[in-house]
């Protein structure tokens, strides 16, 4: 039996209620928010990683990320790393991230 990984989604209700987002785009958003739980509130997963984990094509991932960014549900930043080329960081809007962290702290046991 494989190990069970627990993953939960915390996101803004406006994203959940956005009828323009496809189920695949919303699923990708859930992964992004789940992996933005570090100190800086960023996710640096590559499209290849999303492709492997979600079983969706790279072009679908590109379209979904573009749609999320255009709606300001995520923010993208790029950094040049000499040895590895360009690295992308995906951030949640800062106000959302602060609310998530405040909620987690209030409910921590």
PDB file of N, CA and C in Angstrom:
ATOM      1  N   UNK A   1       0.839  -1.177   0.000  1.00  0.00           N
ATOM      2  CA  UNK A   1       0.000   0.000   0.000  1.00  0.00           C
ATOM      3  C   UNK A   1       0.885   1.241   0.000  1.00  0.00           C
ATOM      4  N   UNK A   2       0.575   2.206  -0.857  1.00  0.00           N
ATOM      5  CA  UNK A   2       1.385   3.417  -0.927  1.00  0.00           C
ATOM      6  C   UNK A   2       1.054   4.363   0.224  1.00  0.00           C
ATOM      7  N   UNK A   3       2.006   5.239   0.506  1.00  0.00           N
ATOM      8  CA  UNK A   3       1.841   6.200   1.589  1.00  0.00           C
ATOM      9  C   UNK A   3       0.760   7.216   1.222  1.00  0.00           C
ATOM     10  N   UNK A   4      -0.090   7.547   2.173  1.00  0.00           N
ATOM     11  CA  UNK A   4      -1.161   8.517   1.957  1.00  0.00           C
ATOM     12  C   UNK A   4      -0.634   9.918   2.221  1.00  0.00           C
ATOM     13  N   UNK A   5      -0.710  10.770   1.227  1.00  0.00           N
ATOM     14  CA  UNK A   5      -0.314  12.164   1.396  1.00  0.00           C
ATOM     15  C   UNK A   5      -1.564  12.994   1.630  1.00  0.00           C
ATOM     16  N   UNK A   6      -1.571  13.744   2.700  1.00  0.00           N
ATOM     17  CA  UNK A   6      -2.700  14.608   3.013  1.00  0.00           C
ATOM     18  C   UNK A   6      -2.434  15.977   2.406  1.00  0.00           C
ATOM     19  N   UNK A   7      -3.387  16.459   1.681  1.00  0.00           N
ATOM     20  CA  UNK A   7      -3.269  17.738   0.997  1.00  0.00           C
ATOM     21  C   UNK A   7      -4.580  18.463   1.180  1.00  0.00           C
ATOM     22  N   UNK A   8      -4.526  19.680   1.623  1.00  0.00           N
ATOM     23  CA  UNK A   8      -5.765  20.435   1.770  1.00  0.00           C
ATOM     24  C   UNK A   8      -5.675  21.731   1.001  1.00  0.00           C
ATOM     25  N   UNK A   9      -6.838  22.248   0.659  1.00  0.00           N
ATOM     26  CA  UNK A   9      -6.936  23.460  -0.127  1.00  0.00           C
ATOM     27  C   UNK A   9      -7.425  24.594   0.753  1.00  0.00           C
ATOM     28  N   UNK A  10      -6.743  25.711   0.686  1.00  0.00           N
ATOM     29  CA  UNK A  10      -7.200  26.950   1.285  1.00  0.00           C
ATOM     30  C   UNK A  10      -7.147  27.968   0.174  1.00  0.00           C
ATOM     31  N   UNK A  11      -8.261  28.524  -0.153  1.00  0.00           N
ATOM     32  CA  UNK A  11      -8.252  29.506  -1.222  1.00  0.00           C
ATOM     33  C   UNK A  11      -9.362  30.512  -1.051  1.00  0.00           C
ATOM     34  N   UNK A  12      -9.291  31.544  -1.858  1.00  0.00           N
ATOM     35  CA  UNK A  12     -10.287  32.603  -1.803  1.00  0.00           C
ATOM     36  C   UNK A  12     -11.597  32.110  -2.415  1.00  0.00           C
ATOM     37  N   UNK A  13     -12.690  32.493  -1.803  1.00  0.00           N
ATOM     38  CA  UNK A  13     -13.998  32.038  -2.291  1.00  0.00           C
ATOM     39  C   UNK A  13     -14.268  32.542  -3.698  1.00  0.00           C
ATOM     40  N   UNK A  14     -13.701  33.697  -4.064  1.00  0.00           N
ATOM     41  CA  UNK A  14     -13.956  34.195  -5.416  1.00  0.00           C
ATOM     42  C   UNK A  14     -13.375  33.264  -6.477  1.00  0.00           C
ATOM     43  N   UNK A  15     -12.295  32.566  -6.155  1.00  0.00           N
ATOM     44  CA  UNK A  15     -11.730  31.599  -7.098  1.00  0.00           C
ATOM     45  C   UNK A  15     -12.641  30.377  -7.171  1.00  0.00           C
ATOM     46  N   UNK A  16     -13.083  29.921  -6.030  1.00  0.00           N
ATOM     47  CA  UNK A  16     -13.981  28.766  -5.967  1.00  0.00           C
ATOM     48  C   UNK A  16     -15.273  29.017  -6.745  1.00  0.00           C
ATOM     49  N   UNK A  17     -15.766  30.239  -6.692  1.00  0.00           N
ATOM     50  CA  UNK A  17     -17.040  30.584  -7.322  1.00  0.00           C
ATOM     51  C   UNK A  17     -16.900  31.089  -8.756  1.00  0.00           C
ATOM     52  N   UNK A  18     -15.693  31.181  -9.272  1.00  0.00           N
ATOM     53  CA  UNK A  18     -15.458  31.692 -10.620  1.00  0.00           C
ATOM     54  C   UNK A  18     -15.882  30.646 -11.645  1.00  0.00           C
ATOM     55  N   UNK A  19     -16.983  30.889 -12.302  1.00  0.00           N
ATOM     56  CA  UNK A  19     -17.536  29.936 -13.268  1.00  0.00           C
ATOM     57  C   UNK A  19     -16.764  29.916 -14.593  1.00  0.00           C
ATOM     58  N   UNK A  20     -15.862  30.880 -14.789  1.00  0.00           N
ATOM     59  CA  UNK A  20     -15.053  30.904 -16.005  1.00  0.00           C
ATOM     60  C   UNK A  20     -13.861  29.950 -15.929  1.00  0.00           C
ATOM     61  N   UNK A  21     -13.498  29.528 -14.723  1.00  0.00           N
ATOM     62  CA  UNK A  21     -12.375  28.605 -14.570  1.00  0.00           C
ATOM     63  C   UNK A  21     -12.823  27.176 -14.852  1.00  0.00           C
ATOM     64  N   UNK A  22     -12.025  26.474 -15.620  1.00  0.00           N
ATOM     65  CA  UNK A  22     -12.328  25.058 -15.851  1.00  0.00           C
ATOM     66  C   UNK A  22     -11.976  24.267 -14.597  1.00  0.00           C
ATOM     67  N   UNK A  23     -12.459  23.061 -14.518  1.00  0.00           N
ATOM     68  CA  UNK A  23     -12.139  22.187 -13.381  1.00  0.00           C
ATOM     69  C   UNK A  23     -10.636  21.923 -13.325  1.00  0.00           C
ATOM     70  N   UNK A  24      -9.998  21.816 -14.476  1.00  0.00           N
ATOM     71  CA  UNK A  24      -8.556  21.575 -14.518  1.00  0.00           C
ATOM     72  C   UNK A  24      -7.796  22.785 -13.981  1.00  0.00           C
ATOM     73  N   UNK A  25      -8.208  23.983 -14.384  1.00  0.00           N
ATOM     74  CA  UNK A  25      -7.551  25.201 -13.904  1.00  0.00           C
ATOM     75  C   UNK A  25      -7.733  25.334 -12.399  1.00  0.00           C
ATOM     76  N   UNK A  26      -8.923  25.025 -11.910  1.00  0.00           N
ATOM     77  CA  UNK A  26      -9.157  25.098 -10.472  1.00  0.00           C
ATOM     78  C   UNK A  26      -8.296  24.061  -9.736  1.00  0.00           C
ATOM     79  N   UNK A  27      -8.182  22.892 -10.300  1.00  0.00           N
ATOM     80  CA  UNK A  27      -7.350  21.842  -9.696  1.00  0.00           C
ATOM     81  C   UNK A  27      -5.883  22.283  -9.621  1.00  0.00           C
ATOM     82  N   UNK A  28      -5.402  22.908 -10.674  1.00  0.00           N
ATOM     83  CA  UNK A  28      -4.044  23.443 -10.671  1.00  0.00           C
ATOM     84  C   UNK A  28      -3.906  24.526  -9.604  1.00  0.00           C
ATOM     85  N   UNK A  29      -4.893  25.387  -9.488  1.00  0.00           N
ATOM     86  CA  UNK A  29      -4.880  26.437  -8.462  1.00  0.00           C
ATOM     87  C   UNK A  29      -4.802  25.816  -7.062  1.00  0.00           C
ATOM     88  N   UNK A  30      -5.528  24.741  -6.836  1.00  0.00           N
ATOM     89  CA  UNK A  30      -5.475  24.056  -5.538  1.00  0.00           C
ATOM     90  C   UNK A  30      -4.064  23.564  -5.241  1.00  0.00           C
ATOM     91  N   UNK A  31      -3.409  22.995  -6.232  1.00  0.00           N
ATOM     92  CA  UNK A  31      -2.028  22.546  -6.046  1.00  0.00           C
ATOM     93  C   UNK A  31      -1.126  23.725  -5.721  1.00  0.00           C
ATOM     94  N   UNK A  32      -1.279  24.816  -6.448  1.00  0.00           N
ATOM     95  CA  UNK A  32      -0.440  25.997  -6.219  1.00  0.00           C
ATOM     96  C   UNK A  32      -0.637  26.515  -4.802  1.00  0.00           C
ATOM     97  N   UNK A  33      -1.868  26.660  -4.355  1.00  0.00           N
ATOM     98  CA  UNK A  33      -2.098  27.186  -3.004  1.00  0.00           C
ATOM     99  C   UNK A  33      -1.549  26.235  -1.952  1.00  0.00           C
ATOM    100  N   UNK A  34      -1.649  24.948  -2.191  1.00  0.00           N
ATOM    101  CA  UNK A  34      -1.118  23.968  -1.243  1.00  0.00           C
ATOM    102  C   UNK A  34       0.389  24.028  -1.122  1.00  0.00           C
ATOM    103  N   UNK A  35       1.052  24.411  -2.204  1.00  0.00           N
ATOM    104  CA  UNK A  35       2.507  24.476  -2.182  1.00  0.00           C
ATOM    105  C   UNK A  35       3.039  25.886  -1.933  1.00  0.00           C
ATOM    106  N   UNK A  36       2.154  26.830  -1.675  1.00  0.00           N
ATOM    107  CA  UNK A  36       2.562  28.198  -1.330  1.00  0.00           C
ATOM    108  C   UNK A  36       2.591  28.388   0.178  1.00  0.00           C
ATOM    109  N   UNK A  37       2.702  27.339   0.917  1.00  0.00           N
ATOM    110  CA  UNK A  37       2.617  27.457   2.366  1.00  0.00           C
ATOM    111  C   UNK A  37       3.982  27.593   3.031  1.00  0.00           C
ATOM    112  N   UNK A  38       4.948  28.098   2.322  1.00  0.00           N
ATOM    113  CA  UNK A  38       6.256  28.327   2.924  1.00  0.00           C
ATOM    114  C   UNK A  38       6.336  29.770   3.435  1.00  0.00           C
ATOM    115  N   UNK A  39       7.438  30.145   4.017  1.00  0.00           N
ATOM    116  CA  UNK A  39       7.570  31.466   4.635  1.00  0.00           C
ATOM    117  C   UNK A  39       7.350  32.617   3.663  1.00  0.00           C
ATOM    118  N   UNK A  40       7.726  32.440   2.425  1.00  0.00           N
ATOM    119  CA  UNK A  40       7.604  33.524   1.457  1.00  0.00           C
ATOM    120  C   UNK A  40       6.305  33.457   0.664  1.00  0.00           C
ATOM    121  N   UNK A  41       5.521  32.429   0.871  1.00  0.00           N
ATOM    122  CA  UNK A  41       4.242  32.315   0.171  1.00  0.00           C
ATOM    123  C   UNK A  41       4.387  32.133  -1.315  1.00  0.00           C
ATOM    124  N   UNK A  42       5.353  31.329  -1.694  1.00  0.00           N
ATOM    125  CA  UNK A  42       5.563  31.119  -3.119  1.00  0.00           C
ATOM    126  C   UNK A  42       5.694  29.640  -3.441  1.00  0.00           C
ATOM    127  N   UNK A  43       5.396  29.335  -4.676  1.00  0.00           N
ATOM    128  CA  UNK A  43       5.502  27.979  -5.202  1.00  0.00           C
ATOM    129  C   UNK A  43       6.461  28.054  -6.381  1.00  0.00           C
ATOM    130  N   UNK A  44       7.423  27.166  -6.436  1.00  0.00           N
ATOM    131  CA  UNK A  44       8.352  27.192  -7.565  1.00  0.00           C
ATOM    132  C   UNK A  44       8.298  25.908  -8.379  1.00  0.00           C
ATOM    133  N   UNK A  45       7.169  25.222  -8.326  1.00  0.00           N
ATOM    134  CA  UNK A  45       7.007  24.001  -9.126  1.00  0.00           C
ATOM    135  C   UNK A  45       7.051  24.347 -10.613  1.00  0.00           C
ATOM    136  N   UNK A  46       7.653  23.461 -11.365  1.00  0.00           N
ATOM    137  CA  UNK A  46       7.759  23.657 -12.816  1.00  0.00           C
ATOM    138  C   UNK A  46       6.524  23.091 -13.512  1.00  0.00           C
ATOM    139  N   UNK A  47       6.359  23.480 -14.766  1.00  0.00           N
ATOM    140  CA  UNK A  47       5.258  22.922 -15.542  1.00  0.00           C
ATOM    141  C   UNK A  47       5.415  21.416 -15.704  1.00  0.00           C
ATOM    142  N   UNK A  48       6.654  20.945 -15.802  1.00  0.00           N
ATOM    143  CA  UNK A  48       6.888  19.498 -15.901  1.00  0.00           C
ATOM    144  C   UNK A  48       6.382  18.776 -14.664  1.00  0.00           C
ATOM    145  N   UNK A  49       6.617  19.376 -13.499  1.00  0.00           N
ATOM    146  CA  UNK A  49       6.158  18.774 -12.244  1.00  0.00           C
ATOM    147  C   UNK A  49       4.634  18.731 -12.205  1.00  0.00           C
ATOM    148  N   UNK A  50       3.979  19.847 -12.572  1.00  0.00           N
ATOM    149  CA  UNK A  50       2.515  19.863 -12.621  1.00  0.00           C
ATOM    150  C   UNK A  50       1.999  18.827 -13.607  1.00  0.00           C
ATOM    151  N   UNK A  51       2.670  18.726 -14.747  1.00  0.00           N
ATOM    152  CA  UNK A  51       2.283  17.761 -15.778  1.00  0.00           C
ATOM    153  C   UNK A  51       2.315  16.346 -15.216  1.00  0.00           C
ATOM    154  N   UNK A  52       3.378  16.017 -14.504  1.00  0.00           N
ATOM    155  CA  UNK A  52       3.525  14.684 -13.920  1.00  0.00           C
ATOM    156  C   UNK A  52       2.476  14.425 -12.829  1.00  0.00           C
ATOM    157  N   UNK A  53       2.299  15.367 -11.935  1.00  0.00           N
ATOM    158  CA  UNK A  53       1.391  15.182 -10.797  1.00  0.00           C
ATOM    159  C   UNK A  53      -0.070  15.173 -11.205  1.00  0.00           C
ATOM    160  N   UNK A  54      -0.443  16.045 -12.149  1.00  0.00           N
ATOM    161  CA  UNK A  54      -1.853  16.197 -12.507  1.00  0.00           C
ATOM    162  C   UNK A  54      -2.260  15.428 -13.759  1.00  0.00           C
ATOM    163  N   UNK A  55      -1.277  14.965 -14.529  1.00  0.00           N
ATOM    164  CA  UNK A  55      -1.594  14.209 -15.737  1.00  0.00           C
ATOM    165  C   UNK A  55      -2.277  15.043 -16.809  1.00  0.00           C
ATOM    166  N   UNK A  56      -1.878  16.313 -16.899  1.00  0.00           N
ATOM    167  CA  UNK A  56      -2.442  17.187 -17.928  1.00  0.00           C
ATOM    168  C   UNK A  56      -1.303  17.726 -18.788  1.00  0.00           C
ATOM    169  N   UNK A  57      -1.635  18.150 -19.993  1.00  0.00           N
ATOM    170  CA  UNK A  57      -0.604  18.564 -20.940  1.00  0.00           C
ATOM    171  C   UNK A  57       0.033  19.895 -20.546  1.00  0.00           C
ATOM    172  N   UNK A  58       1.235  20.083 -21.026  1.00  0.00           N
ATOM    173  CA  UNK A  58       1.960  21.322 -20.757  1.00  0.00           C
ATOM    174  C   UNK A  58       1.211  22.537 -21.321  1.00  0.00           C
ATOM    175  N   UNK A  59       0.605  22.393 -22.488  1.00  0.00           N
ATOM    176  CA  UNK A  59      -0.131  23.528 -23.067  1.00  0.00           C
ATOM    177  C   UNK A  59      -1.336  23.894 -22.202  1.00  0.00           C
ATOM    178  N   UNK A  60      -2.008  22.898 -21.619  1.00  0.00           N
ATOM    179  CA  UNK A  60      -3.127  23.167 -20.713  1.00  0.00           C
ATOM    180  C   UNK A  60      -2.630  23.861 -19.449  1.00  0.00           C
ATOM    181  N   UNK A  61      -1.492  23.434 -18.940  1.00  0.00           N
ATOM    182  CA  UNK A  61      -0.910  24.075 -17.760  1.00  0.00           C
ATOM    183  C   UNK A  61      -0.575  25.530 -18.076  1.00  0.00           C
ATOM    184  N   UNK A  62       0.044  25.762 -19.233  1.00  0.00           N
ATOM    185  CA  UNK A  62       0.382  27.131 -19.630  1.00  0.00           C
ATOM    186  C   UNK A  62      -0.866  28.012 -19.706  1.00  0.00           C
ATOM    187  N   UNK A  63      -1.911  27.517 -20.352  1.00  0.00           N
ATOM    188  CA  UNK A  63      -3.160  28.289 -20.464  1.00  0.00           C
ATOM    189  C   UNK A  63      -3.777  28.550 -19.099  1.00  0.00           C
ATOM    190  N   UNK A  64      -3.766  27.541 -18.251  1.00  0.00           N
ATOM    191  CA  UNK A  64      -4.361  27.676 -16.921  1.00  0.00           C
ATOM    192  C   UNK A  64      -3.598  28.685 -16.069  1.00  0.00           C
ATOM    193  N   UNK A  65      -2.284  28.609 -16.095  1.00  0.00           N
ATOM    194  CA  UNK A  65      -1.475  29.560 -15.329  1.00  0.00           C
ATOM    195  C   UNK A  65      -1.681  30.979 -15.857  1.00  0.00           C
ATOM    196  N   UNK A  66      -1.738  31.118 -17.165  1.00  0.00           N
ATOM    197  CA  UNK A  66      -1.981  32.432 -17.764  1.00  0.00           C
ATOM    198  C   UNK A  66      -3.344  32.981 -17.339  1.00  0.00           C
ATOM    199  N   UNK A  67      -4.364  32.134 -17.349  1.00  0.00           N
ATOM    200  CA  UNK A  67      -5.695  32.571 -16.940  1.00  0.00           C
ATOM    201  C   UNK A  67      -5.713  32.993 -15.467  1.00  0.00           C
ATOM    202  N   UNK A  68      -5.090  32.208 -14.600  1.00  0.00           N
ATOM    203  CA  UNK A  68      -5.035  32.547 -13.175  1.00  0.00           C
ATOM    204  C   UNK A  68      -4.286  33.862 -12.948  1.00  0.00           C
ATOM    205  N   UNK A  69      -3.206  34.065 -13.689  1.00  0.00           N
ATOM    206  CA  UNK A  69      -2.430  35.304 -13.554  1.00  0.00           C
ATOM    207  C   UNK A  69      -3.216  36.505 -14.087  1.00  0.00           C
ATOM    208  N   UNK A  70      -3.893  36.333 -15.214  1.00  0.00           N
ATOM    209  CA  UNK A  70      -4.680  37.432 -15.789  1.00  0.00           C
ATOM    210  C   UNK A  70      -5.828  37.857 -14.881  1.00  0.00           C
ATOM    211  N   UNK A  71      -6.329  36.930 -14.090  1.00  0.00           N
ATOM    212  CA  UNK A  71      -7.411  37.245 -13.157  1.00  0.00           C
ATOM    213  C   UNK A  71      -6.868  37.701 -11.795  1.00  0.00           C
ATOM    214  N   UNK A  72      -5.553  37.804 -11.685  1.00  0.00           N
ATOM    215  CA  UNK A  72      -4.873  38.209 -10.444  1.00  0.00           C
ATOM    216  C   UNK A  72      -5.097  37.231  -9.298  1.00  0.00           C
ATOM    217  N   UNK A  73      -5.308  35.954  -9.611  1.00  0.00           N
ATOM    218  CA  UNK A  73      -5.417  34.927  -8.575  1.00  0.00           C
ATOM    219  C   UNK A  73      -4.030  34.447  -8.155  1.00  0.00           C
ATOM    220  N   UNK A  74      -3.073  34.628  -9.055  1.00  0.00           N
ATOM    221  CA  UNK A  74      -1.671  34.329  -8.754  1.00  0.00           C
ATOM    222  C   UNK A  74      -0.820  35.446  -9.356  1.00  0.00           C
ATOM    223  N   UNK A  75       0.410  35.535  -8.875  1.00  0.00           N
ATOM    224  CA  UNK A  75       1.379  36.486  -9.413  1.00  0.00           C
ATOM    225  C   UNK A  75       2.607  35.685  -9.830  1.00  0.00           C
ATOM    226  N   UNK A  76       3.154  35.996 -10.989  1.00  0.00           N
ATOM    227  CA  UNK A  76       4.321  35.281 -11.507  1.00  0.00           C
ATOM    228  C   UNK A  76       5.540  36.184 -11.469  1.00  0.00           C
ATOM    229  N   UNK A  77       6.649  35.633 -11.042  1.00  0.00           N
ATOM    230  CA  UNK A  77       7.927  36.335 -11.100  1.00  0.00           C
ATOM    231  C   UNK A  77       8.968  35.380 -11.667  1.00  0.00           C
ATOM    232  N   UNK A  78       9.913  35.947 -12.386  1.00  0.00           N
ATOM    233  CA  UNK A  78      10.962  35.143 -13.007  1.00  0.00           C
ATOM    234  C   UNK A  78      12.326  35.639 -12.534  1.00  0.00           C
ATOM    235  N   UNK A  79      13.207  34.693 -12.324  1.00  0.00           N
ATOM    236  CA  UNK A  79      14.554  35.004 -11.851  1.00  0.00           C
ATOM    237  C   UNK A  79      15.545  34.223 -12.701  1.00  0.00           C
ATOM    238  N   UNK A  80      16.585  34.896 -13.158  1.00  0.00           N
ATOM    239  CA  UNK A  80      17.625  34.209 -13.928  1.00  0.00           C
ATOM    240  C   UNK A  80      18.631  33.596 -12.970  1.00  0.00           C
ATOM    241  N   UNK A  81      18.853  32.313 -13.142  1.00  0.00           N
ATOM    242  CA  UNK A  81      19.842  31.594 -12.351  1.00  0.00           C
ATOM    243  C   UNK A  81      20.894  31.116 -13.346  1.00  0.00           C
ATOM    244  N   UNK A  82      22.119  31.579 -13.173  1.00  0.00           N
ATOM    245  CA  UNK A  82      23.169  31.309 -14.163  1.00  0.00           C
ATOM    246  C   UNK A  82      23.299  29.848 -14.542  1.00  0.00           C
ATOM    247  N   UNK A  83      23.263  28.959 -13.562  1.00  0.00           N
ATOM    248  CA  UNK A  83      23.501  27.552 -13.853  1.00  0.00           C
ATOM    249  C   UNK A  83      22.256  26.804 -14.313  1.00  0.00           C
ATOM    250  N   UNK A  84      21.081  27.367 -14.043  1.00  0.00           N
ATOM    251  CA  UNK A  84      19.854  26.626 -14.355  1.00  0.00           C
ATOM    252  C   UNK A  84      18.916  27.352 -15.305  1.00  0.00           C
ATOM    253  N   UNK A  85      19.259  28.545 -15.749  1.00  0.00           N
ATOM    254  CA  UNK A  85      18.376  29.303 -16.624  1.00  0.00           C
ATOM    255  C   UNK A  85      17.347  30.072 -15.822  1.00  0.00           C
ATOM    256  N   UNK A  86      16.192  30.288 -16.404  1.00  0.00           N
ATOM    257  CA  UNK A  86      15.148  31.081 -15.753  1.00  0.00           C
ATOM    258  C   UNK A  86      14.314  30.209 -14.824  1.00  0.00           C
ATOM    259  N   UNK A  87      14.063  30.725 -13.652  1.00  0.00           N
ATOM    260  CA  UNK A  87      13.243  30.028 -12.658  1.00  0.00           C
ATOM    261  C   UNK A  87      11.992  30.863 -12.398  1.00  0.00           C
ATOM    262  N   UNK A  88      10.847  30.203 -12.388  1.00  0.00           N
ATOM    263  CA  UNK A  88       9.580  30.899 -12.161  1.00  0.00           C
ATOM    264  C   UNK A  88       9.116  30.688 -10.726  1.00  0.00           C
ATOM    265  N   UNK A  89       8.613  31.754 -10.134  1.00  0.00           N
ATOM    266  CA  UNK A  89       7.982  31.675  -8.823  1.00  0.00           C
ATOM    267  C   UNK A  89       6.529  32.065  -8.982  1.00  0.00           C
ATOM    268  N   UNK A  90       5.652  31.306  -8.338  1.00  0.00           N
ATOM    269  CA  UNK A  90       4.224  31.609  -8.356  1.00  0.00           C
ATOM    270  C   UNK A  90       3.842  32.031  -6.944  1.00  0.00           C
ATOM    271  N   UNK A  91       3.263  33.209  -6.832  1.00  0.00           N
ATOM    272  CA  UNK A  91       2.845  33.748  -5.539  1.00  0.00           C
ATOM    273  C   UNK A  91       1.331  33.880  -5.499  1.00  0.00           C
ATOM    274  N   UNK A  92       0.777  33.732  -4.326  1.00  0.00           N
ATOM    275  CA  UNK A  92      -0.609  34.115  -4.105  1.00  0.00           C
ATOM    276  C   UNK A  92      -0.608  35.610  -3.845  1.00  0.00           C
ATOM    277  N   UNK A  93      -1.705  36.295  -4.154  1.00  0.00           N
ATOM    278  CA  UNK A  93      -1.762  37.710  -3.785  1.00  0.00           C
ATOM    279  C   UNK A  93      -1.487  37.851  -2.286  1.00  0.00           C
ATOM    280  N   UNK A  94      -0.699  38.851  -1.931  1.00  0.00           N
ATOM    281  CA  UNK A  94      -0.219  38.970  -0.556  1.00  0.00           C
ATOM    282  C   UNK A  94      -1.342  39.020   0.482  1.00  0.00           C
ATOM    283  N   UNK A  95      -2.411  39.725   0.189  1.00  0.00           N
ATOM    284  CA  UNK A  95      -3.521  39.822   1.150  1.00  0.00           C
ATOM    285  C   UNK A  95      -4.113  38.447   1.425  1.00  0.00           C
ATOM    286  N   UNK A  96      -4.258  37.621   0.388  1.00  0.00           N
ATOM    287  CA  UNK A  96      -4.804  36.276   0.573  1.00  0.00           C
ATOM    288  C   UNK A  96      -3.858  35.445   1.411  1.00  0.00           C
ATOM    289  N   UNK A  97      -2.573  35.536   1.080  1.00  0.00           N
ATOM    290  CA  UNK A  97      -1.591  34.724   1.797  1.00  0.00           C
ATOM    291  C   UNK A  97      -1.574  35.075   3.285  1.00  0.00           C
ATOM    292  N   UNK A  98      -1.629  36.359   3.605  1.00  0.00           N
ATOM    293  CA  UNK A  98      -1.652  36.771   5.023  1.00  0.00           C
ATOM    294  C   UNK A  98      -2.878  36.211   5.731  1.00  0.00           C
ATOM    295  N   UNK A  99      -4.029  36.236   5.043  1.00  0.00           N
ATOM    296  CA  UNK A  99      -5.249  35.672   5.651  1.00  0.00           C
ATOM    297  C   UNK A  99      -5.112  34.178   5.887  1.00  0.00           C
ATOM    298  N   UNK A 100      -4.548  33.439   4.938  1.00  0.00           N
ATOM    299  CA  UNK A 100      -4.361  31.993   5.099  1.00  0.00           C
ATOM    300  C   UNK A 100      -3.472  31.704   6.296  1.00  0.00           C
ATOM    301  N   UNK A 101      -2.371  32.455   6.394  1.00  0.00           N
ATOM    302  CA  UNK A 101      -1.434  32.235   7.490  1.00  0.00           C
ATOM    303  C   UNK A 101      -2.083  32.575   8.840  1.00  0.00           C
ATOM    304  N   UNK A 102      -2.860  33.629   8.885  1.00  0.00           N
ATOM    305  CA  UNK A 102      -3.555  34.013  10.121  1.00  0.00           C
ATOM    306  C   UNK A 102      -4.538  32.916  10.532  1.00  0.00           C
ATOM    307  N   UNK A 103      -5.261  32.369   9.549  1.00  0.00           N
ATOM    308  CA  UNK A 103      -6.205  31.286   9.822  1.00  0.00           C
ATOM    309  C   UNK A 103      -5.470  30.054  10.337  1.00  0.00           C
ATOM    310  N   UNK A 104      -4.367  29.688   9.672  1.00  0.00           N
ATOM    311  CA  UNK A 104      -3.605  28.512  10.110  1.00  0.00           C
ATOM    312  C   UNK A 104      -3.090  28.674  11.545  1.00  0.00           C
ATOM    313  N   UNK A 105      -2.592  29.864  11.841  1.00  0.00           N
ATOM    314  CA  UNK A 105      -2.058  30.111  13.192  1.00  0.00           C
ATOM    315  C   UNK A 105      -3.158  30.010  14.240  1.00  0.00           C
ATOM    316  N   UNK A 106      -4.337  30.508  13.920  1.00  0.00           N
ATOM    317  CA  UNK A 106      -5.462  30.467  14.871  1.00  0.00           C
ATOM    318  C   UNK A 106      -5.963  29.048  15.094  1.00  0.00           C
ATOM    319  N   UNK A 107      -5.776  28.172  14.116  1.00  0.00           N
ATOM    320  CA  UNK A 107      -6.302  26.803  14.217  1.00  0.00           C
ATOM    321  C   UNK A 107      -5.210  25.765  14.442  1.00  0.00           C
ATOM    322  N   UNK A 108      -3.991  26.208  14.679  1.00  0.00           N
ATOM    323  CA  UNK A 108      -2.895  25.267  14.930  1.00  0.00           C
ATOM    324  C   UNK A 108      -3.075  24.629  16.299  1.00  0.00           C
ATOM    325  N   UNK A 109      -2.706  23.385  16.382  1.00  0.00           N
ATOM    326  CA  UNK A 109      -2.856  22.669  17.678  1.00  0.00           C
ATOM    327  C   UNK A 109      -1.524  22.366  18.275  1.00  0.00           C
TER     328      UNK A 109
END
